[in-house]
Amino acid sequence: MKYGLDFGTSNSDISYNNGNSVEVLPIEPTSRAKEIMASLWFFDYEDEFWSFGKSAYEQYTETLGEGRLIQSLKKYLSDPTLKNTYVHKRTVDFDELVMLFLKEMKEKADQLTGEDVRNITIGNPVNFSDSGKNDIALQRIEKGAQDAGF
């Protein structure tokens, strides 16, 4: 068993290969596009928890922005001068943010498949940025994936 992940700047999706067939998983069952999860993170300051995708947007609007919304993280992953961001009283490394998002996707996918899938192929663009610093972005995504259980 193996997952395939498109970790996008705006949206992400995950597919499942059971050895016989491949299907894109409906990881956002209450969305119109059930197979697509917005690449959004939201940290709720009051309740001190993370939410992702559609839930992140909903929490952001419900709390009237009382928290930290992170979007388009992927476009910053190749910048060596940007290593972390500040989220409610602490510094959070980019690879930790990647891990949190991928862990959420893994948990949703594992629940849908009934499997604890550890193997994954993560697609990536030819160039993350014009700067040609792909290795930095790939290392951050790889570390995040390993820390998420892949």
Protein backbone atom coordinates (compact mmCIF):
# COMPACT_ATOMS: atom_id res chain seq x y z
CA MET A 1 0.00 0.00 0.00
CA LYS A 2 1.19 3.49 -0.83
CA TYR A 3 -0.07 7.05 -0.88
CA GLY A 4 0.62 9.63 -3.54
CA LEU A 5 0.50 13.25 -2.40
CA ASP A 6 0.18 16.48 -4.33
CA PHE A 7 1.28 19.04 -1.72
CA GLY A 8 0.21 22.25 -3.40
CA THR A 9 0.61 25.92 -2.66
CA SER A 10 -3.17 26.45 -2.63
CA ASN A 11 -4.62 22.93 -2.46
CA SER A 12 -3.46 19.40 -1.76
CA ASP A 13 -4.78 15.91 -2.39
CA ILE A 14 -3.80 12.35 -1.54
CA SER A 15 -4.31 9.15 -3.49
CA TYR A 16 -4.18 5.52 -2.39
CA ASN A 17 -2.62 2.65 -4.31
CA ASN A 18 -3.74 -0.70 -2.94
CA GLY A 19 -1.70 -2.67 -5.45
CA ASN A 20 -4.60 -3.15 -7.86
CA SER A 21 -5.97 0.34 -8.36
CA VAL A 22 -5.42 3.96 -7.45
CA GLU A 23 -8.05 6.32 -6.10
CA VAL A 24 -7.95 9.93 -4.96
CA LEU A 25 -9.32 9.95 -1.43
CA PRO A 26 -12.23 12.19 -0.31
CA ILE A 27 -10.35 13.78 2.60
CA GLU A 28 -12.72 16.77 2.82
CA PRO A 29 -16.10 14.97 2.86
CA THR A 30 -18.14 18.11 3.57
CA SER A 31 -16.64 20.12 0.70
CA ARG A 32 -17.91 20.32 -2.87
CA ALA A 33 -14.52 19.08 -4.05
CA LYS A 34 -14.21 16.23 -1.56
CA GLU A 35 -10.79 15.11 -2.84
CA ILE A 36 -9.14 18.51 -2.40
CA MET A 37 -7.92 19.97 0.88
CA ALA A 38 -6.99 23.64 0.97
CA SER A 39 -3.36 24.09 2.01
CA LEU A 40 -4.34 26.16 5.05
CA TRP A 41 -3.28 26.05 8.68
CA PHE A 42 -5.07 27.87 11.48
CA PHE A 43 -4.05 28.08 15.12
CA ASP A 44 -6.90 29.09 17.43
CA TYR A 45 -5.41 31.28 20.18
CA GLU A 46 -8.27 30.78 22.63
CA ASP A 47 -8.57 26.99 22.43
CA GLU A 48 -4.92 26.47 21.46
CA PHE A 49 -5.37 23.94 18.68
CA TRP A 50 -4.51 23.58 14.99
CA SER A 51 -7.02 23.03 12.22
CA PHE A 52 -6.34 22.45 8.53
CA GLY A 53 -8.00 22.80 5.15
CA LYS A 54 -11.68 23.72 5.12
CA SER A 55 -11.78 23.49 8.91
CA ALA A 56 -8.94 26.04 9.15
CA TYR A 57 -10.92 28.53 7.08
CA GLU A 58 -14.09 27.89 9.10
CA GLN A 59 -12.25 28.35 12.41
CA TYR A 60 -10.62 31.52 11.12
CA THR A 61 -13.99 33.05 10.21
CA GLU A 62 -15.76 31.78 13.35
CA THR A 63 -13.10 33.30 15.63
CA LEU A 64 -13.10 36.52 13.60
CA GLY A 65 -9.42 36.04 12.92
CA GLU A 66 -8.43 35.54 16.56
CA GLY A 67 -5.60 33.20 15.73
CA ARG A 68 -2.94 32.63 13.14
CA LEU A 69 -3.89 31.71 9.57
CA ILE A 70 -1.09 30.38 7.38
CA GLN A 71 -1.50 29.90 3.65
CA SER A 72 0.78 29.41 0.63
CA LEU A 73 3.55 28.01 2.84
CA LYS A 74 4.96 25.94 -0.01
CA LYS A 75 6.19 28.99 -1.89
CA TYR A 76 8.43 29.93 1.07
CA LEU A 77 9.92 26.48 1.68
CA SER A 78 12.87 27.04 -0.68
CA ASP A 79 13.98 30.29 0.96
CA PRO A 80 16.94 29.58 3.28
CA THR A 81 16.47 32.88 5.11
CA LEU A 82 12.97 31.88 6.21
CA LYS A 83 13.16 29.05 8.73
CA ASN A 84 10.19 29.56 11.01
CA THR A 85 7.28 31.74 12.00
CA TYR A 86 5.84 32.93 15.27
CA VAL A 87 2.57 31.36 16.39
CA HIS A 88 1.05 32.31 19.73
CA LYS A 89 3.93 32.56 22.16
CA ARG A 90 6.34 30.27 20.32
CA THR A 91 8.43 29.87 17.21
CA VAL A 92 7.33 27.11 14.83
CA ASP A 93 9.79 25.74 12.25
CA PHE A 94 8.57 25.34 8.67
CA ASP A 95 9.25 21.60 8.72
CA GLU A 96 7.01 21.34 11.79
CA LEU A 97 4.24 23.13 9.89
CA VAL A 98 4.69 20.70 7.01
CA MET A 99 4.59 17.80 9.49
CA LEU A 100 1.37 19.03 11.09
CA PHE A 101 -0.37 19.31 7.72
CA LEU A 102 0.91 15.97 6.40
CA LYS A 103 0.01 14.27 9.68
CA GLU A 104 -3.56 15.55 9.30
CA MET A 105 -3.70 14.25 5.72
CA LYS A 106 -2.23 10.89 6.79
CA GLU A 107 -4.73 10.50 9.63
CA LYS A 108 -7.66 11.27 7.32
CA ALA A 109 -6.35 8.94 4.61
CA ASP A 110 -5.62 6.11 7.08
CA GLN A 111 -9.13 6.44 8.48
CA LEU A 112 -10.62 6.20 4.98
CA THR A 113 -8.50 3.22 3.93
CA GLY A 114 -8.46 1.40 7.27
CA GLU A 115 -4.68 1.07 6.87
CA ASP A 116 -1.61 2.58 8.54
CA VAL A 117 0.20 3.46 5.32
CA ARG A 118 3.85 4.47 5.77
CA ASN A 119 4.96 4.68 2.13
CA ILE A 120 4.33 7.85 0.19
CA THR A 121 5.39 9.51 -3.02
CA ILE A 122 5.20 13.28 -2.85
CA GLY A 123 5.10 15.17 -6.12
CA ASN A 124 7.07 18.36 -6.42
CA PRO A 125 7.55 21.03 -9.06
CA VAL A 126 10.66 21.11 -11.23
CA ASN A 127 11.58 24.33 -9.44
CA PHE A 128 10.07 25.55 -6.19
CA SER A 129 11.31 29.05 -6.91
CA ASP A 130 13.34 31.07 -9.36
CA SER A 131 16.22 30.97 -6.91
CA GLY A 132 16.99 27.31 -7.70
CA LYS A 133 17.07 26.33 -4.04
CA ASN A 134 14.98 23.18 -4.46
CA ASP A 135 17.07 21.10 -2.05
CA ILE A 136 16.01 23.21 0.92
CA ALA A 137 12.31 22.81 0.12
CA LEU A 138 12.68 19.08 -0.55
CA GLN A 139 14.54 18.57 2.75
CA ARG A 140 11.81 20.39 4.67
CA ILE A 141 9.05 18.36 3.03
CA GLU A 142 10.95 15.09 3.52
CA LYS A 143 11.55 15.83 7.22
CA GLY A 144 7.92 16.86 7.67
CA ALA A 145 6.75 13.63 6.01
CA GLN A 146 9.02 11.47 8.17
CA ASP A 147 7.90 13.25 11.34
CA ALA A 148 4.26 12.77 10.25
CA GLY A 149 4.73 9.00 10.16
CA PHE A 150 5.73 8.30 6.57
